[in-house]
Amino acid sequence: MSNQQPKSRPSHRVSFARIIGQDENGNDKLGSAREIGGVWPRQNGKGSILRLDFIPIELTQHQGVLFLSSVETSETDAGGYA
């Protein structure tokens, strides 16, 4: 039997939105953001660990944007992130 501690919850969510066009001013228009991973703080307090469930092909072609949003305390207490 192992003495593993319970898994911690992420401090941030990682979402991706692809560029779907441009507006009349030439600014990029983004599609709906999709959650693709999370960020966990390191135990030593120095930095974080990024985990992506997948890497969108549009990201590799510079055709999208990543977003980091913090996870609220009530969400982590409720048992996770959706």
PDB file of N, CA and C in Angstrom:
ATOM      1  N   MET A   1       0.843  -1.173   0.000  1.00  0.00           N
ATOM      2  CA  MET A   1       0.000   0.000   0.000  1.00  0.00           C
ATOM      3  C   MET A   1       0.889   1.237   0.000  1.00  0.00           C
ATOM      4  N   SER A   2       0.564   2.217  -0.796  1.00  0.00           N
ATOM      5  CA  SER A   2       1.378   3.429  -0.888  1.00  0.00           C
ATOM      6  C   SER A   2       0.821   4.515   0.022  1.00  0.00           C
ATOM      7  N   ASN A   3       1.677   5.445   0.369  1.00  0.00           N
ATOM      8  CA  ASN A   3       1.288   6.574   1.217  1.00  0.00           C
ATOM      9  C   ASN A   3       1.149   7.842   0.391  1.00  0.00           C
ATOM     10  N   GLN A   4       0.429   7.771  -0.702  1.00  0.00           N
ATOM     11  CA  GLN A   4       0.261   8.938  -1.557  1.00  0.00           C
ATOM     12  C   GLN A   4      -0.729   9.904  -0.932  1.00  0.00           C
ATOM     13  N   GLN A   5      -0.415  11.188  -1.055  1.00  0.00           N
ATOM     14  CA  GLN A   5      -1.322  12.216  -0.581  1.00  0.00           C
ATOM     15  C   GLN A   5      -2.427  12.404  -1.615  1.00  0.00           C
ATOM     16  N   PRO A   6      -3.586  12.923  -1.188  1.00  0.00           N
ATOM     17  CA  PRO A   6      -4.647  13.192  -2.164  1.00  0.00           C
ATOM     18  C   PRO A   6      -4.148  14.160  -3.228  1.00  0.00           C
ATOM     19  N   LYS A   7      -4.632  13.987  -4.428  1.00  0.00           N
ATOM     20  CA  LYS A   7      -4.206  14.854  -5.529  1.00  0.00           C
ATOM     21  C   LYS A   7      -4.723  16.265  -5.302  1.00  0.00           C
ATOM     22  N   SER A   8      -3.866  17.229  -5.584  1.00  0.00           N
ATOM     23  CA  SER A   8      -4.248  18.629  -5.416  1.00  0.00           C
ATOM     24  C   SER A   8      -5.086  19.090  -6.605  1.00  0.00           C
ATOM     25  N   ARG A   9      -5.756  20.175  -6.412  1.00  0.00           N
ATOM     26  CA  ARG A   9      -6.578  20.770  -7.469  1.00  0.00           C
ATOM     27  C   ARG A   9      -5.758  21.815  -8.217  1.00  0.00           C
ATOM     28  N   PRO A  10      -6.082  22.066  -9.472  1.00  0.00           N
ATOM     29  CA  PRO A  10      -5.333  23.078 -10.229  1.00  0.00           C
ATOM     30  C   PRO A  10      -5.603  24.478  -9.690  1.00  0.00           C
ATOM     31  N   SER A  11      -4.619  25.343  -9.839  1.00  0.00           N
ATOM     32  CA  SER A  11      -4.786  26.744  -9.441  1.00  0.00           C
ATOM     33  C   SER A  11      -5.383  27.564 -10.586  1.00  0.00           C
ATOM     34  N   HIS A  12      -5.176  27.098 -11.826  1.00  0.00           N
ATOM     35  CA  HIS A  12      -5.675  27.802 -13.010  1.00  0.00           C
ATOM     36  C   HIS A  12      -6.196  26.798 -14.037  1.00  0.00           C
ATOM     37  N   ARG A  13      -7.112  27.259 -14.844  1.00  0.00           N
ATOM     38  CA  ARG A  13      -7.599  26.496 -15.995  1.00  0.00           C
ATOM     39  C   ARG A  13      -6.916  27.034 -17.245  1.00  0.00           C
ATOM     40  N   VAL A  14      -6.675  26.157 -18.199  1.00  0.00           N
ATOM     41  CA  VAL A  14      -6.104  26.561 -19.487  1.00  0.00           C
ATOM     42  C   VAL A  14      -7.179  26.343 -20.549  1.00  0.00           C
ATOM     43  N   SER A  15      -7.496  27.396 -21.283  1.00  0.00           N
ATOM     44  CA  SER A  15      -8.491  27.316 -22.353  1.00  0.00           C
ATOM     45  C   SER A  15      -7.867  27.797 -23.653  1.00  0.00           C
ATOM     46  N   PHE A  16      -8.451  27.370 -24.758  1.00  0.00           N
ATOM     47  CA  PHE A  16      -7.974  27.750 -26.087  1.00  0.00           C
ATOM     48  C   PHE A  16      -9.154  28.241 -26.912  1.00  0.00           C
ATOM     49  N   ALA A  17      -8.940  29.334 -27.639  1.00  0.00           N
ATOM     50  CA  ALA A  17      -9.936  29.837 -28.591  1.00  0.00           C
ATOM     51  C   ALA A  17      -9.238  30.061 -29.922  1.00  0.00           C
ATOM     52  N   ARG A  18      -9.831  29.542 -30.987  1.00  0.00           N
ATOM     53  CA  ARG A  18      -9.194  29.736 -32.289  1.00  0.00           C
ATOM     54  C   ARG A  18      -9.683  31.030 -32.921  1.00  0.00           C
ATOM     55  N   ILE A  19      -8.857  31.566 -33.796  1.00  0.00           N
ATOM     56  CA  ILE A  19      -9.190  32.792 -34.518  1.00  0.00           C
ATOM     57  C   ILE A  19     -10.127  32.411 -35.663  1.00  0.00           C
ATOM     58  N   ILE A  20     -11.300  33.047 -35.697  1.00  0.00           N
ATOM     59  CA  ILE A  20     -12.294  32.691 -36.709  1.00  0.00           C
ATOM     60  C   ILE A  20     -12.470  33.767 -37.775  1.00  0.00           C
ATOM     61  N   GLY A  21     -11.743  34.863 -37.661  1.00  0.00           N
ATOM     62  CA  GLY A  21     -11.844  35.935 -38.648  1.00  0.00           C
ATOM     63  C   GLY A  21     -11.359  37.241 -38.060  1.00  0.00           C
ATOM     64  N   GLN A  22     -11.708  38.320 -38.752  1.00  0.00           N
ATOM     65  CA  GLN A  22     -11.332  39.651 -38.286  1.00  0.00           C
ATOM     66  C   GLN A  22     -12.543  40.566 -38.334  1.00  0.00           C
ATOM     67  N   ASP A  23     -12.560  41.536 -37.403  1.00  0.00           N
ATOM     68  CA  ASP A  23     -13.640  42.511 -37.414  1.00  0.00           C
ATOM     69  C   ASP A  23     -13.312  43.643 -38.385  1.00  0.00           C
ATOM     70  N   GLU A  24     -14.178  44.661 -38.436  1.00  0.00           N
ATOM     71  CA  GLU A  24     -13.996  45.754 -39.393  1.00  0.00           C
ATOM     72  C   GLU A  24     -12.746  46.589 -39.117  1.00  0.00           C
ATOM     73  N   ASN A  25     -12.189  46.495 -37.898  1.00  0.00           N
ATOM     74  CA  ASN A  25     -10.965  47.229 -37.548  1.00  0.00           C
ATOM     75  C   ASN A  25      -9.705  46.397 -37.752  1.00  0.00           C
ATOM     76  N   GLY A  26      -9.854  45.173 -38.217  1.00  0.00           N
ATOM     77  CA  GLY A  26      -8.705  44.309 -38.443  1.00  0.00           C
ATOM     78  C   GLY A  26      -8.261  43.510 -37.227  1.00  0.00           C
ATOM     79  N   ASN A  27      -9.036  43.588 -36.134  1.00  0.00           N
ATOM     80  CA  ASN A  27      -8.717  42.810 -34.938  1.00  0.00           C
ATOM     81  C   ASN A  27      -9.232  41.383 -35.078  1.00  0.00           C
ATOM     82  N   ASP A  28      -8.495  40.440 -34.508  1.00  0.00           N
ATOM     83  CA  ASP A  28      -8.907  39.040 -34.577  1.00  0.00           C
ATOM     84  C   ASP A  28     -10.204  38.808 -33.811  1.00  0.00           C
ATOM     85  N   LYS A  29     -11.098  38.003 -34.396  1.00  0.00           N
ATOM     86  CA  LYS A  29     -12.306  37.550 -33.712  1.00  0.00           C
ATOM     87  C   LYS A  29     -12.044  36.122 -33.267  1.00  0.00           C
ATOM     88  N   LEU A  30     -12.407  35.821 -32.024  1.00  0.00           N
ATOM     89  CA  LEU A  30     -12.149  34.499 -31.463  1.00  0.00           C
ATOM     90  C   LEU A  30     -13.425  33.687 -31.354  1.00  0.00           C
ATOM     91  N   GLY A  31     -13.281  32.383 -31.555  1.00  0.00           N
ATOM     92  CA  GLY A  31     -14.381  31.464 -31.341  1.00  0.00           C
ATOM     93  C   GLY A  31     -14.535  31.180 -29.855  1.00  0.00           C
ATOM     94  N   SER A  32     -15.415  30.271 -29.529  1.00  0.00           N
ATOM     95  CA  SER A  32     -15.640  29.901 -28.133  1.00  0.00           C
ATOM     96  C   SER A  32     -14.401  29.244 -27.551  1.00  0.00           C
ATOM     97  N   ALA A  33     -14.089  29.605 -26.319  1.00  0.00           N
ATOM     98  CA  ALA A  33     -12.931  29.018 -25.635  1.00  0.00           C
ATOM     99  C   ALA A  33     -13.288  27.622 -25.139  1.00  0.00           C
ATOM    100  N   ARG A  34     -12.358  26.697 -25.288  1.00  0.00           N
ATOM    101  CA  ARG A  34     -12.519  25.312 -24.822  1.00  0.00           C
ATOM    102  C   ARG A  34     -11.433  25.008 -23.810  1.00  0.00           C
ATOM    103  N   GLU A  35     -11.817  24.404 -22.702  1.00  0.00           N
ATOM    104  CA  GLU A  35     -10.828  24.045 -21.688  1.00  0.00           C
ATOM    105  C   GLU A  35      -9.973  22.886 -22.192  1.00  0.00           C
ATOM    106  N   ILE A  36      -8.647  23.055 -22.104  1.00  0.00           N
ATOM    107  CA  ILE A  36      -7.746  22.015 -22.611  1.00  0.00           C
ATOM    108  C   ILE A  36      -6.736  21.544 -21.576  1.00  0.00           C
ATOM    109  N   GLY A  37      -6.767  22.102 -20.367  1.00  0.00           N
ATOM    110  CA  GLY A  37      -5.801  21.660 -19.363  1.00  0.00           C
ATOM    111  C   GLY A  37      -5.870  22.470 -18.090  1.00  0.00           C
ATOM    112  N   GLY A  38      -4.821  22.323 -17.280  1.00  0.00           N
ATOM    113  CA  GLY A  38      -4.768  23.012 -16.000  1.00  0.00           C
ATOM    114  C   GLY A  38      -3.342  23.334 -15.595  1.00  0.00           C
ATOM    115  N   VAL A  39      -3.231  24.149 -14.550  1.00  0.00           N
ATOM    116  CA  VAL A  39      -1.936  24.544 -13.996  1.00  0.00           C
ATOM    117  C   VAL A  39      -1.959  24.249 -12.500  1.00  0.00           C
ATOM    118  N   TRP A  40      -0.922  23.568 -12.031  1.00  0.00           N
ATOM    119  CA  TRP A  40      -0.792  23.226 -10.617  1.00  0.00           C
ATOM    120  C   TRP A  40       0.448  23.890 -10.050  1.00  0.00           C
ATOM    121  N   PRO A  41       0.358  24.453  -8.829  1.00  0.00           N
ATOM    122  CA  PRO A  41       1.557  25.021  -8.207  1.00  0.00           C
ATOM    123  C   PRO A  41       2.503  23.904  -7.780  1.00  0.00           C
ATOM    124  N   ARG A  42       3.794  24.155  -7.887  1.00  0.00           N
ATOM    125  CA  ARG A  42       4.786  23.177  -7.438  1.00  0.00           C
ATOM    126  C   ARG A  42       4.831  23.167  -5.918  1.00  0.00           C
ATOM    127  N   GLN A  43       5.178  22.022  -5.353  1.00  0.00           N
ATOM    128  CA  GLN A  43       5.205  21.883  -3.900  1.00  0.00           C
ATOM    129  C   GLN A  43       6.220  22.811  -3.247  1.00  0.00           C
ATOM    130  N   ASN A  44       7.315  23.108  -3.935  1.00  0.00           N
ATOM    131  CA  ASN A  44       8.332  23.987  -3.355  1.00  0.00           C
ATOM    132  C   ASN A  44       7.962  25.467  -3.487  1.00  0.00           C
ATOM    133  N   GLY A  45       6.829  25.757  -4.126  1.00  0.00           N
ATOM    134  CA  GLY A  45       6.369  27.130  -4.257  1.00  0.00           C
ATOM    135  C   GLY A  45       7.040  27.928  -5.354  1.00  0.00           C
ATOM    136  N   LYS A  46       7.942  27.299  -6.096  1.00  0.00           N
ATOM    137  CA  LYS A  46       8.667  27.995  -7.163  1.00  0.00           C
ATOM    138  C   LYS A  46       8.142  27.530  -8.512  1.00  0.00           C
ATOM    139  N   GLY A  47       7.281  28.325  -9.094  1.00  0.00           N
ATOM    140  CA  GLY A  47       6.762  27.991 -10.412  1.00  0.00           C
ATOM    141  C   GLY A  47       5.521  27.118 -10.365  1.00  0.00           C
ATOM    142  N   SER A  48       5.126  26.658 -11.535  1.00  0.00           N
ATOM    143  CA  SER A  48       3.917  25.854 -11.690  1.00  0.00           C
ATOM    144  C   SER A  48       4.146  24.774 -12.730  1.00  0.00           C
ATOM    145  N   ILE A  49       3.227  23.821 -12.762  1.00  0.00           N
ATOM    146  CA  ILE A  49       3.266  22.735 -13.741  1.00  0.00           C
ATOM    147  C   ILE A  49       2.047  22.880 -14.646  1.00  0.00           C
ATOM    148  N   LEU A  50       2.290  22.945 -15.948  1.00  0.00           N
ATOM    149  CA  LEU A  50       1.229  23.059 -16.946  1.00  0.00           C
ATOM    150  C   LEU A  50       0.953  21.680 -17.521  1.00  0.00           C
ATOM    151  N   ARG A  51      -0.323  21.276 -17.529  1.00  0.00           N
ATOM    152  CA  ARG A  51      -0.697  20.000 -18.132  1.00  0.00           C
ATOM    153  C   ARG A  51      -1.795  20.266 -19.156  1.00  0.00           C
ATOM    154  N   LEU A  52      -1.511  19.897 -20.406  1.00  0.00           N
ATOM    155  CA  LEU A  52      -2.496  20.027 -21.473  1.00  0.00           C
ATOM    156  C   LEU A  52      -3.021  18.647 -21.820  1.00  0.00           C
ATOM    157  N   ASP A  53      -4.342  18.518 -21.901  1.00  0.00           N
ATOM    158  CA  ASP A  53      -4.945  17.248 -22.295  1.00  0.00           C
ATOM    159  C   ASP A  53      -4.713  16.980 -23.776  1.00  0.00           C
ATOM    160  N   PHE A  54      -4.634  18.034 -24.552  1.00  0.00           N
ATOM    161  CA  PHE A  54      -4.266  17.933 -25.966  1.00  0.00           C
ATOM    162  C   PHE A  54      -3.773  19.294 -26.433  1.00  0.00           C
ATOM    163  N   ILE A  55      -3.089  19.319 -27.569  1.00  0.00           N
ATOM    164  CA  ILE A  55      -2.585  20.567 -28.142  1.00  0.00           C
ATOM    165  C   ILE A  55      -3.333  20.809 -29.453  1.00  0.00           C
ATOM    166  N   PRO A  56      -4.159  21.853 -29.509  1.00  0.00           N
ATOM    167  CA  PRO A  56      -4.906  22.131 -30.734  1.00  0.00           C
ATOM    168  C   PRO A  56      -3.961  22.422 -31.903  1.00  0.00           C
ATOM    169  N   ILE A  57      -4.253  21.879 -33.058  1.00  0.00           N
ATOM    170  CA  ILE A  57      -3.414  22.082 -34.243  1.00  0.00           C
ATOM    171  C   ILE A  57      -3.343  23.567 -34.594  1.00  0.00           C
ATOM    172  N   GLU A  58      -4.420  24.313 -34.336  1.00  0.00           N
ATOM    173  CA  GLU A  58      -4.421  25.750 -34.634  1.00  0.00           C
ATOM    174  C   GLU A  58      -3.387  26.492 -33.790  1.00  0.00           C
ATOM    175  N   LEU A  59      -3.108  25.999 -32.596  1.00  0.00           N
ATOM    176  CA  LEU A  59      -2.109  26.644 -31.744  1.00  0.00           C
ATOM    177  C   LEU A  59      -0.725  26.524 -32.357  1.00  0.00           C
ATOM    178  N   THR A  60      -0.410  25.374 -32.929  1.00  0.00           N
ATOM    179  CA  THR A  60       0.900  25.171 -33.541  1.00  0.00           C
ATOM    180  C   THR A  60       1.071  26.016 -34.803  1.00  0.00           C
ATOM    181  N   GLN A  61      -0.038  26.464 -35.381  1.00  0.00           N
ATOM    182  CA  GLN A  61      -0.002  27.286 -36.590  1.00  0.00           C
ATOM    183  C   GLN A  61      -0.255  28.768 -36.289  1.00  0.00           C
ATOM    184  N   HIS A  62      -0.196  29.151 -35.005  1.00  0.00           N
ATOM    185  CA  HIS A  62      -0.414  30.537 -34.566  1.00  0.00           C
ATOM    186  C   HIS A  62      -1.784  31.045 -34.995  1.00  0.00           C
ATOM    187  N   GLN A  63      -2.810  30.180 -34.916  1.00  0.00           N
ATOM    188  CA  GLN A  63      -4.159  30.553 -35.315  1.00  0.00           C
ATOM    189  C   GLN A  63      -5.129  30.493 -34.145  1.00  0.00           C
ATOM    190  N   GLY A  64      -4.621  30.777 -32.945  1.00  0.00           N
ATOM    191  CA  GLY A  64      -5.472  30.748 -31.769  1.00  0.00           C
ATOM    192  C   GLY A  64      -4.784  31.372 -30.572  1.00  0.00           C
ATOM    193  N   VAL A  65      -5.523  31.417 -29.468  1.00  0.00           N
ATOM    194  CA  VAL A  65      -5.056  32.081 -28.256  1.00  0.00           C
ATOM    195  C   VAL A  65      -5.287  31.175 -27.053  1.00  0.00           C
ATOM    196  N   LEU A  66      -4.302  31.147 -26.137  1.00  0.00           N
ATOM    197  CA  LEU A  66      -4.448  30.446 -24.864  1.00  0.00           C
ATOM    198  C   LEU A  66      -4.901  31.431 -23.797  1.00  0.00           C
ATOM    199  N   PHE A  67      -5.756  30.974 -22.894  1.00  0.00           N
ATOM    200  CA  PHE A  67      -6.213  31.772 -21.764  1.00  0.00           C
ATOM    201  C   PHE A  67      -5.925  31.019 -20.475  1.00  0.00           C
ATOM    202  N   LEU A  68      -5.470  31.732 -19.460  1.00  0.00           N
ATOM    203  CA  LEU A  68      -5.331  31.188 -18.111  1.00  0.00           C
ATOM    204  C   LEU A  68      -6.351  31.890 -17.236  1.00  0.00           C
ATOM    205  N   SER A  69      -7.168  31.128 -16.540  1.00  0.00           N
ATOM    206  CA  SER A  69      -8.118  31.738 -15.610  1.00  0.00           C
ATOM    207  C   SER A  69      -8.000  31.030 -14.269  1.00  0.00           C
ATOM    208  N   SER A  70      -7.956  31.820 -13.205  1.00  0.00           N
ATOM    209  CA  SER A  70      -7.773  31.228 -11.881  1.00  0.00           C
ATOM    210  C   SER A  70      -9.026  30.464 -11.474  1.00  0.00           C
ATOM    211  N   VAL A  71      -8.806  29.403 -10.709  1.00  0.00           N
ATOM    212  CA  VAL A  71      -9.900  28.581 -10.203  1.00  0.00           C
ATOM    213  C   VAL A  71     -10.323  29.171  -8.869  1.00  0.00           C
ATOM    214  N   GLU A  72     -11.601  29.435  -8.715  1.00  0.00           N
ATOM    215  CA  GLU A  72     -12.113  30.001  -7.469  1.00  0.00           C
ATOM    216  C   GLU A  72     -12.007  28.978  -6.347  1.00  0.00           C
ATOM    217  N   THR A  73     -11.817  29.445  -5.132  1.00  0.00           N
ATOM    218  CA  THR A  73     -11.682  28.564  -3.971  1.00  0.00           C
ATOM    219  C   THR A  73     -12.908  27.687  -3.801  1.00  0.00           C
ATOM    220  N   SER A  74     -14.103  28.234  -4.016  1.00  0.00           N
ATOM    221  CA  SER A  74     -15.323  27.447  -3.857  1.00  0.00           C
ATOM    222  C   SER A  74     -15.388  26.319  -4.876  1.00  0.00           C
ATOM    223  N   GLU A  75     -14.816  26.521  -6.072  1.00  0.00           N
ATOM    224  CA  GLU A  75     -14.792  25.472  -7.086  1.00  0.00           C
ATOM    225  C   GLU A  75     -13.882  24.335  -6.658  1.00  0.00           C
ATOM    226  N   THR A  76     -12.723  24.660  -6.093  1.00  0.00           N
ATOM    227  CA  THR A  76     -11.797  23.605  -5.689  1.00  0.00           C
ATOM    228  C   THR A  76     -12.340  22.857  -4.492  1.00  0.00           C
ATOM    229  N   ASP A  77     -13.050  23.550  -3.600  1.00  0.00           N
ATOM    230  CA  ASP A  77     -13.649  22.881  -2.451  1.00  0.00           C
ATOM    231  C   ASP A  77     -14.780  21.960  -2.878  1.00  0.00           C
ATOM    232  N   ALA A  78     -15.442  22.285  -3.986  1.00  0.00           N
ATOM    233  CA  ALA A  78     -16.574  21.493  -4.453  1.00  0.00           C
ATOM    234  C   ALA A  78     -16.145  20.220  -5.159  1.00  0.00           C
ATOM    235  N   GLY A  79     -14.848  20.036  -5.366  1.00  0.00           N
ATOM    236  CA  GLY A  79     -14.420  18.763  -5.914  1.00  0.00           C
ATOM    237  C   GLY A  79     -13.844  18.805  -7.308  1.00  0.00           C
ATOM    238  N   GLY A  80     -13.396  19.939  -7.780  1.00  0.00           N
ATOM    239  CA  GLY A  80     -12.717  19.902  -9.070  1.00  0.00           C
ATOM    240  C   GLY A  80     -13.087  21.031  -9.982  1.00  0.00           C
ATOM    241  N   TYR A  81     -12.771  20.801 -11.227  1.00  0.00           N
ATOM    242  CA  TYR A  81     -13.049  21.793 -12.253  1.00  0.00           C
ATOM    243  C   TYR A  81     -13.668  21.079 -13.427  1.00  0.00           C
ATOM    244  N   ALA A  82     -14.565  21.778 -14.127  1.00  0.00           N
ATOM    245  CA  ALA A  82     -15.284  21.153 -15.232  1.00  0.00           C
ATOM    246  C   ALA A  82     -14.786  21.650 -16.555  1.00  0.00           C
TER     247      ALA A  82
END
